[in-house]
Amino acid sequence: MLRTLPTNLSIDSQHAAVSAHLAQHGAALCNAAYLLQGQVGEARVLRILSDLRTTTRLERATRRRLVDLHRLISLDPVFGDSETESGLWQFLDPGSRDVEEICLLADRLFDLLVEIGELDDEVGAFAVAVEGLDAA
């Protein structure tokens, strides 16, 4: 289903980190999101992939989509709605291989979100250091 398409070169480390992560785990995330939320879930992942292909920086909207995707695959009870297609996860067998894989994907995605946050801190520290330099 997913094809590797040429992407823009990343000009920041956050975009590169997310692109690399999704190049490795994108298909699995699509499958997990589909199992949990149907076509709507799958479309979430495809939108993130599309965003990454058309930009060279990690945009705020893409970050928000990554957080929402993590909430979905982490089975955040506030995120799902049992009355709609969002509640498909309720029909999964907790002991199945699919659930184990989804848990691993959620952990990896959380690690990516932490990495992005740490890169924010590094950029912020660099900006403060540059401001402190005397232009003389």
N, C-alpha and C. Protein backbone atom coordinates (compact mmCIF):
# COMPACT_ATOMS: atom_id res chain seq x y z
N MET A 1 0.81 -1.17 0.00
CA MET A 1 0.00 0.00 0.00
C MET A 1 0.87 1.26 0.00
N LEU A 2 1.87 1.35 0.87
CA LEU A 2 2.72 2.53 0.92
C LEU A 2 3.87 2.38 -0.07
N ARG A 3 4.10 3.43 -0.81
CA ARG A 3 5.23 3.43 -1.72
C ARG A 3 6.23 4.45 -1.22
N THR A 4 7.50 4.15 -1.43
CA THR A 4 8.53 5.10 -1.07
C THR A 4 8.65 6.10 -2.21
N LEU A 5 8.34 7.34 -1.91
CA LEU A 5 8.41 8.41 -2.89
C LEU A 5 9.57 9.32 -2.54
N PRO A 6 10.13 9.96 -3.53
CA PRO A 6 11.20 10.90 -3.21
C PRO A 6 10.66 12.00 -2.31
N THR A 7 11.45 12.38 -1.34
CA THR A 7 11.03 13.42 -0.41
C THR A 7 11.98 14.60 -0.51
N ASN A 8 11.50 15.73 -0.02
CA ASN A 8 12.36 16.90 0.07
C ASN A 8 13.44 16.63 1.09
N LEU A 9 14.59 17.23 0.89
CA LEU A 9 15.65 17.09 1.87
C LEU A 9 15.27 17.87 3.13
N SER A 10 15.46 17.26 4.27
CA SER A 10 15.14 17.92 5.53
C SER A 10 16.18 19.00 5.79
N ILE A 11 15.70 20.15 6.25
CA ILE A 11 16.64 21.19 6.63
C ILE A 11 16.73 21.32 8.15
N ASP A 12 15.98 20.51 8.88
CA ASP A 12 16.14 20.51 10.33
C ASP A 12 16.14 19.08 10.83
N SER A 13 16.73 18.90 11.98
CA SER A 13 16.93 17.56 12.53
C SER A 13 15.62 16.90 12.96
N GLN A 14 14.63 17.69 13.35
CA GLN A 14 13.34 17.12 13.74
C GLN A 14 12.63 16.50 12.55
N HIS A 15 12.62 17.19 11.44
CA HIS A 15 12.00 16.68 10.23
C HIS A 15 12.72 15.40 9.79
N ALA A 16 14.03 15.42 9.87
CA ALA A 16 14.81 14.24 9.49
C ALA A 16 14.51 13.06 10.40
N ALA A 17 14.38 13.31 11.70
CA ALA A 17 14.09 12.24 12.66
C ALA A 17 12.71 11.62 12.39
N VAL A 18 11.72 12.47 12.17
CA VAL A 18 10.37 11.96 11.91
C VAL A 18 10.32 11.23 10.57
N SER A 19 10.98 11.78 9.57
CA SER A 19 11.01 11.13 8.25
C SER A 19 11.64 9.74 8.34
N ALA A 20 12.76 9.65 9.06
CA ALA A 20 13.44 8.36 9.21
C ALA A 20 12.55 7.37 9.97
N HIS A 21 11.90 7.83 11.01
CA HIS A 21 11.04 6.96 11.81
C HIS A 21 9.89 6.42 10.95
N LEU A 22 9.26 7.30 10.20
CA LEU A 22 8.12 6.87 9.40
C LEU A 22 8.55 6.06 8.17
N ALA A 23 9.76 6.27 7.70
CA ALA A 23 10.25 5.43 6.61
C ALA A 23 10.37 3.98 7.09
N GLN A 24 10.73 3.83 8.36
CA GLN A 24 10.89 2.49 8.93
C GLN A 24 9.58 1.90 9.43
N HIS A 25 8.74 2.71 10.05
CA HIS A 25 7.54 2.20 10.72
C HIS A 25 6.22 2.68 10.12
N GLY A 26 6.27 3.40 9.01
CA GLY A 26 5.06 3.99 8.43
C GLY A 26 3.99 2.97 8.08
N ALA A 27 4.38 1.90 7.43
CA ALA A 27 3.40 0.88 7.03
C ALA A 27 2.76 0.23 8.25
N ALA A 28 3.56 -0.07 9.26
CA ALA A 28 3.03 -0.67 10.48
C ALA A 28 2.10 0.30 11.21
N LEU A 29 2.46 1.58 11.22
CA LEU A 29 1.58 2.57 11.85
C LEU A 29 0.26 2.69 11.10
N CYS A 30 0.32 2.62 9.76
CA CYS A 30 -0.92 2.65 8.96
C CYS A 30 -1.81 1.47 9.32
N ASN A 31 -1.23 0.30 9.40
CA ASN A 31 -2.00 -0.90 9.74
C ASN A 31 -2.59 -0.81 11.14
N ALA A 32 -1.80 -0.34 12.09
CA ALA A 32 -2.28 -0.21 13.46
C ALA A 32 -3.41 0.80 13.55
N ALA A 33 -3.24 1.93 12.91
CA ALA A 33 -4.28 2.96 12.93
C ALA A 33 -5.55 2.45 12.27
N TYR A 34 -5.40 1.66 11.21
CA TYR A 34 -6.58 1.08 10.55
C TYR A 34 -7.30 0.12 11.47
N LEU A 35 -6.55 -0.71 12.19
CA LEU A 35 -7.17 -1.65 13.13
C LEU A 35 -7.92 -0.93 14.24
N LEU A 36 -7.39 0.22 14.65
CA LEU A 36 -7.97 0.93 15.79
C LEU A 36 -9.09 1.91 15.42
N GLN A 37 -9.00 2.47 14.21
CA GLN A 37 -9.97 3.51 13.87
C GLN A 37 -10.47 3.41 12.43
N GLY A 38 -10.18 2.33 11.77
CA GLY A 38 -10.65 2.15 10.40
C GLY A 38 -9.95 3.07 9.42
N GLN A 39 -10.65 3.45 8.38
CA GLN A 39 -10.07 4.29 7.34
C GLN A 39 -9.68 5.67 7.85
N VAL A 40 -10.38 6.15 8.84
CA VAL A 40 -10.04 7.45 9.42
C VAL A 40 -8.66 7.39 10.06
N GLY A 41 -8.38 6.31 10.77
CA GLY A 41 -7.06 6.14 11.40
C GLY A 41 -5.96 6.03 10.37
N GLU A 42 -6.21 5.23 9.34
CA GLU A 42 -5.22 5.07 8.28
C GLU A 42 -4.94 6.41 7.60
N ALA A 43 -5.99 7.19 7.39
CA ALA A 43 -5.83 8.50 6.75
C ALA A 43 -4.98 9.44 7.59
N ARG A 44 -5.04 9.28 8.92
CA ARG A 44 -4.20 10.10 9.81
C ARG A 44 -2.72 9.91 9.49
N VAL A 45 -2.32 8.66 9.36
CA VAL A 45 -0.91 8.36 9.10
C VAL A 45 -0.53 8.83 7.70
N LEU A 46 -1.39 8.60 6.74
CA LEU A 46 -1.10 9.03 5.37
C LEU A 46 -0.97 10.55 5.28
N ARG A 47 -1.74 11.26 6.07
CA ARG A 47 -1.64 12.73 6.09
C ARG A 47 -0.28 13.17 6.63
N ILE A 48 0.19 12.52 7.67
CA ILE A 48 1.51 12.85 8.21
C ILE A 48 2.59 12.58 7.17
N LEU A 49 2.50 11.44 6.51
CA LEU A 49 3.47 11.11 5.47
C LEU A 49 3.44 12.14 4.35
N SER A 50 2.25 12.56 3.97
CA SER A 50 2.12 13.57 2.92
C SER A 50 2.73 14.90 3.37
N ASP A 51 2.48 15.28 4.60
CA ASP A 51 3.06 16.52 5.14
C ASP A 51 4.58 16.48 5.06
N LEU A 52 5.16 15.36 5.43
CA LEU A 52 6.61 15.25 5.44
C LEU A 52 7.20 15.32 4.03
N ARG A 53 6.46 14.82 3.06
CA ARG A 53 6.94 14.83 1.68
C ARG A 53 6.90 16.21 1.05
N THR A 54 6.04 17.08 1.56
CA THR A 54 5.86 18.38 0.94
C THR A 54 6.52 19.52 1.71
N THR A 55 7.21 19.20 2.79
CA THR A 55 7.86 20.24 3.58
C THR A 55 9.32 19.86 3.84
N THR A 56 10.08 20.83 4.31
CA THR A 56 11.46 20.57 4.69
C THR A 56 11.69 20.82 6.17
N ARG A 57 10.70 21.33 6.84
CA ARG A 57 10.73 21.54 8.29
C ARG A 57 9.53 20.85 8.91
N LEU A 58 9.69 20.45 10.16
CA LEU A 58 8.57 19.83 10.88
C LEU A 58 7.64 20.95 11.34
N GLU A 59 6.46 20.98 10.77
CA GLU A 59 5.51 22.05 11.08
C GLU A 59 4.71 21.71 12.33
N ARG A 60 4.15 22.75 12.92
CA ARG A 60 3.36 22.59 14.15
C ARG A 60 2.18 21.65 13.94
N ALA A 61 1.51 21.76 12.81
CA ALA A 61 0.36 20.90 12.53
C ALA A 61 0.78 19.43 12.44
N THR A 62 1.93 19.17 11.87
CA THR A 62 2.42 17.80 11.76
C THR A 62 2.77 17.26 13.15
N ARG A 63 3.35 18.09 13.98
CA ARG A 63 3.64 17.68 15.38
C ARG A 63 2.33 17.30 16.08
N ARG A 64 1.31 18.13 15.89
CA ARG A 64 0.02 17.86 16.53
C ARG A 64 -0.55 16.53 16.04
N ARG A 65 -0.41 16.28 14.74
CA ARG A 65 -0.89 15.01 14.18
C ARG A 65 -0.12 13.83 14.76
N LEU A 66 1.17 14.00 14.99
CA LEU A 66 1.97 12.92 15.59
C LEU A 66 1.50 12.63 17.02
N VAL A 67 1.22 13.69 17.77
CA VAL A 67 0.72 13.51 19.14
C VAL A 67 -0.65 12.82 19.11
N ASP A 68 -1.51 13.25 18.19
CA ASP A 68 -2.83 12.61 18.06
C ASP A 68 -2.71 11.15 17.67
N LEU A 69 -1.77 10.85 16.77
CA LEU A 69 -1.53 9.46 16.38
C LEU A 69 -1.06 8.64 17.57
N HIS A 70 -0.19 9.21 18.38
CA HIS A 70 0.26 8.50 19.58
C HIS A 70 -0.90 8.24 20.52
N ARG A 71 -1.77 9.23 20.68
CA ARG A 71 -2.93 9.04 21.55
C ARG A 71 -3.83 7.93 21.02
N LEU A 72 -3.99 7.87 19.70
CA LEU A 72 -4.81 6.83 19.09
C LEU A 72 -4.23 5.45 19.36
N ILE A 73 -2.95 5.26 19.04
CA ILE A 73 -2.40 3.91 19.17
C ILE A 73 -2.08 3.55 20.62
N SER A 74 -2.11 4.54 21.50
CA SER A 74 -1.96 4.25 22.93
C SER A 74 -3.29 3.95 23.59
N LEU A 75 -4.36 4.00 22.79
CA LEU A 75 -5.73 3.76 23.26
C LEU A 75 -6.14 4.74 24.34
N ASP A 76 -5.78 6.00 24.14
CA ASP A 76 -6.20 7.06 25.05
C ASP A 76 -7.72 7.09 25.08
N PRO A 77 -8.34 6.87 26.25
CA PRO A 77 -9.80 6.79 26.30
C PRO A 77 -10.50 8.08 25.89
N VAL A 78 -9.85 9.21 26.02
CA VAL A 78 -10.46 10.47 25.64
C VAL A 78 -10.50 10.59 24.12
N PHE A 79 -9.56 9.94 23.45
CA PHE A 79 -9.42 10.08 22.00
C PHE A 79 -10.47 9.29 21.24
N GLY A 80 -10.81 8.09 21.71
CA GLY A 80 -11.74 7.23 20.98
C GLY A 80 -13.18 7.47 21.39
N ASP A 81 -14.08 7.03 20.54
CA ASP A 81 -15.51 7.14 20.80
C ASP A 81 -16.12 5.78 20.52
N SER A 82 -16.61 5.13 21.56
CA SER A 82 -17.10 3.76 21.41
C SER A 82 -18.37 3.66 20.56
N GLU A 83 -19.05 4.77 20.32
CA GLU A 83 -20.27 4.75 19.54
C GLU A 83 -20.02 4.80 18.03
N THR A 84 -18.81 5.12 17.62
CA THR A 84 -18.51 5.27 16.20
C THR A 84 -17.43 4.28 15.78
N GLU A 85 -16.95 4.45 14.56
CA GLU A 85 -15.90 3.60 14.03
C GLU A 85 -14.61 3.71 14.86
N SER A 86 -14.50 4.78 15.66
CA SER A 86 -13.33 4.98 16.49
C SER A 86 -13.17 3.89 17.53
N GLY A 87 -14.23 3.17 17.82
CA GLY A 87 -14.18 2.14 18.85
C GLY A 87 -13.84 0.76 18.35
N LEU A 88 -13.27 0.64 17.14
CA LEU A 88 -12.94 -0.67 16.60
C LEU A 88 -11.95 -1.43 17.49
N TRP A 89 -11.11 -0.71 18.23
CA TRP A 89 -10.12 -1.35 19.08
C TRP A 89 -10.76 -2.25 20.12
N GLN A 90 -12.01 -2.01 20.46
CA GLN A 90 -12.69 -2.81 21.46
C GLN A 90 -12.86 -4.26 21.02
N PHE A 91 -12.77 -4.51 19.73
CA PHE A 91 -12.96 -5.86 19.21
C PHE A 91 -11.65 -6.62 19.06
N LEU A 92 -10.54 -6.01 19.42
CA LEU A 92 -9.25 -6.69 19.34
C LEU A 92 -9.06 -7.60 20.55
N ASP A 93 -8.46 -8.74 20.32
CA ASP A 93 -8.11 -9.67 21.41
C ASP A 93 -6.87 -9.13 22.11
N PRO A 94 -6.96 -8.84 23.42
CA PRO A 94 -5.81 -8.28 24.13
C PRO A 94 -4.56 -9.16 24.07
N GLY A 95 -4.74 -10.44 23.85
CA GLY A 95 -3.58 -11.34 23.79
C GLY A 95 -3.05 -11.56 22.39
N SER A 96 -3.60 -10.84 21.41
CA SER A 96 -3.19 -11.08 20.02
C SER A 96 -1.85 -10.43 19.70
N ARG A 97 -1.25 -10.90 18.66
CA ARG A 97 0.02 -10.36 18.17
C ARG A 97 -0.16 -8.91 17.71
N ASP A 98 -1.35 -8.60 17.18
CA ASP A 98 -1.62 -7.23 16.73
C ASP A 98 -1.52 -6.24 17.89
N VAL A 99 -2.08 -6.60 19.02
CA VAL A 99 -2.05 -5.71 20.18
C VAL A 99 -0.62 -5.52 20.66
N GLU A 100 0.16 -6.58 20.67
CA GLU A 100 1.57 -6.48 21.07
C GLU A 100 2.32 -5.53 20.13
N GLU A 101 2.08 -5.68 18.85
CA GLU A 101 2.75 -4.82 17.86
C GLU A 101 2.32 -3.36 18.03
N ILE A 102 1.04 -3.13 18.29
CA ILE A 102 0.55 -1.77 18.50
C ILE A 102 1.21 -1.14 19.72
N CYS A 103 1.38 -1.92 20.78
CA CYS A 103 2.04 -1.42 21.98
C CYS A 103 3.49 -1.03 21.69
N LEU A 104 4.19 -1.85 20.92
CA LEU A 104 5.57 -1.54 20.55
C LEU A 104 5.63 -0.28 19.68
N LEU A 105 4.70 -0.15 18.77
CA LEU A 105 4.66 1.05 17.93
C LEU A 105 4.39 2.30 18.77
N ALA A 106 3.51 2.17 19.75
CA ALA A 106 3.21 3.31 20.63
C ALA A 106 4.45 3.71 21.41
N ASP A 107 5.20 2.74 21.90
CA ASP A 107 6.44 3.03 22.62
C ASP A 107 7.47 3.72 21.73
N ARG A 108 7.62 3.22 20.50
CA ARG A 108 8.57 3.82 19.56
C ARG A 108 8.15 5.24 19.19
N LEU A 109 6.86 5.45 19.00
CA LEU A 109 6.37 6.78 18.66
C LEU A 109 6.57 7.74 19.83
N PHE A 110 6.37 7.26 21.04
CA PHE A 110 6.63 8.09 22.22
C PHE A 110 8.09 8.49 22.27
N ASP A 111 9.00 7.53 22.01
CA ASP A 111 10.42 7.84 21.99
C ASP A 111 10.74 8.90 20.95
N LEU A 112 10.08 8.83 19.80
CA LEU A 112 10.28 9.85 18.76
C LEU A 112 9.81 11.22 19.25
N LEU A 113 8.66 11.26 19.90
CA LEU A 113 8.15 12.53 20.41
C LEU A 113 9.09 13.13 21.46
N VAL A 114 9.68 12.29 22.29
CA VAL A 114 10.66 12.75 23.27
C VAL A 114 11.90 13.29 22.56
N GLU A 115 12.35 12.57 21.53
CA GLU A 115 13.52 13.02 20.76
C GLU A 115 13.26 14.38 20.12
N ILE A 116 12.09 14.57 19.57
CA ILE A 116 11.74 15.86 18.97
C ILE A 116 11.78 16.96 20.03
N GLY A 117 11.25 16.67 21.22
CA GLY A 117 11.27 17.64 22.31
C GLY A 117 12.68 17.98 22.74
N GLU A 118 13.55 16.98 22.79
CA GLU A 118 14.95 17.24 23.15
C GLU A 118 15.64 18.08 22.10
N LEU A 119 15.32 17.86 20.84
CA LEU A 119 15.90 18.67 19.77
C LEU A 119 15.42 20.12 19.89
N ASP A 120 14.17 20.33 20.32
CA ASP A 120 13.68 21.68 20.58
C ASP A 120 14.52 22.36 21.64
N ASP A 121 14.82 21.62 22.71
CA ASP A 121 15.62 22.17 23.80
C ASP A 121 17.02 22.55 23.33
N GLU A 122 17.62 21.69 22.47
CA GLU A 122 18.96 21.97 21.96
C GLU A 122 18.95 23.23 21.10
N VAL A 123 17.94 23.38 20.25
CA VAL A 123 17.84 24.57 19.39
C VAL A 123 17.65 25.81 20.25
N GLY A 124 16.82 25.70 21.28
CA GLY A 124 16.59 26.83 22.18
C GLY A 124 17.86 27.23 22.92
N ALA A 125 18.63 26.25 23.38
CA ALA A 125 19.88 26.53 24.08
C ALA A 125 20.88 27.19 23.13
N PHE A 126 20.92 26.74 21.88
CA PHE A 126 21.81 27.32 20.90
C PHE A 126 21.43 28.78 20.63
N ALA A 127 20.14 29.05 20.52
CA ALA A 127 19.68 30.41 20.27
C ALA A 127 20.06 31.33 21.41
N VAL A 128 19.94 30.86 22.65
CA VAL A 128 20.32 31.67 23.80
C VAL A 128 21.82 31.93 23.78
N ALA A 129 22.61 30.91 23.42
CA ALA A 129 24.06 31.08 23.36
C ALA A 129 24.45 32.07 22.28
N VAL A 130 23.80 32.04 21.15
CA VAL A 130 24.09 32.97 20.06
C VAL A 130 23.73 34.39 20.45
N GLU A 131 22.61 34.57 21.15
CA GLU A 131 22.21 35.89 21.60
C GLU A 131 23.25 36.49 22.54
N GLY A 132 23.91 35.64 23.31
CA GLY A 132 24.89 36.10 24.28
C GLY A 132 26.22 36.50 23.67
N LEU A 133 26.46 36.15 22.42
CA LEU A 133 27.71 36.51 21.76
C LEU A 133 27.74 38.00 21.46
N ASP A 134 28.91 38.57 21.63
CA ASP A 134 29.08 39.99 21.32
C ASP A 134 29.40 40.12 19.83
N ALA A 135 28.69 40.98 19.14
CA ALA A 135 28.88 41.16 17.69
C ALA A 135 30.06 42.05 17.36
N ALA A 136 30.82 42.46 18.34
CA ALA A 136 31.96 43.36 18.12
C ALA A 136 33.00 42.63 17.40
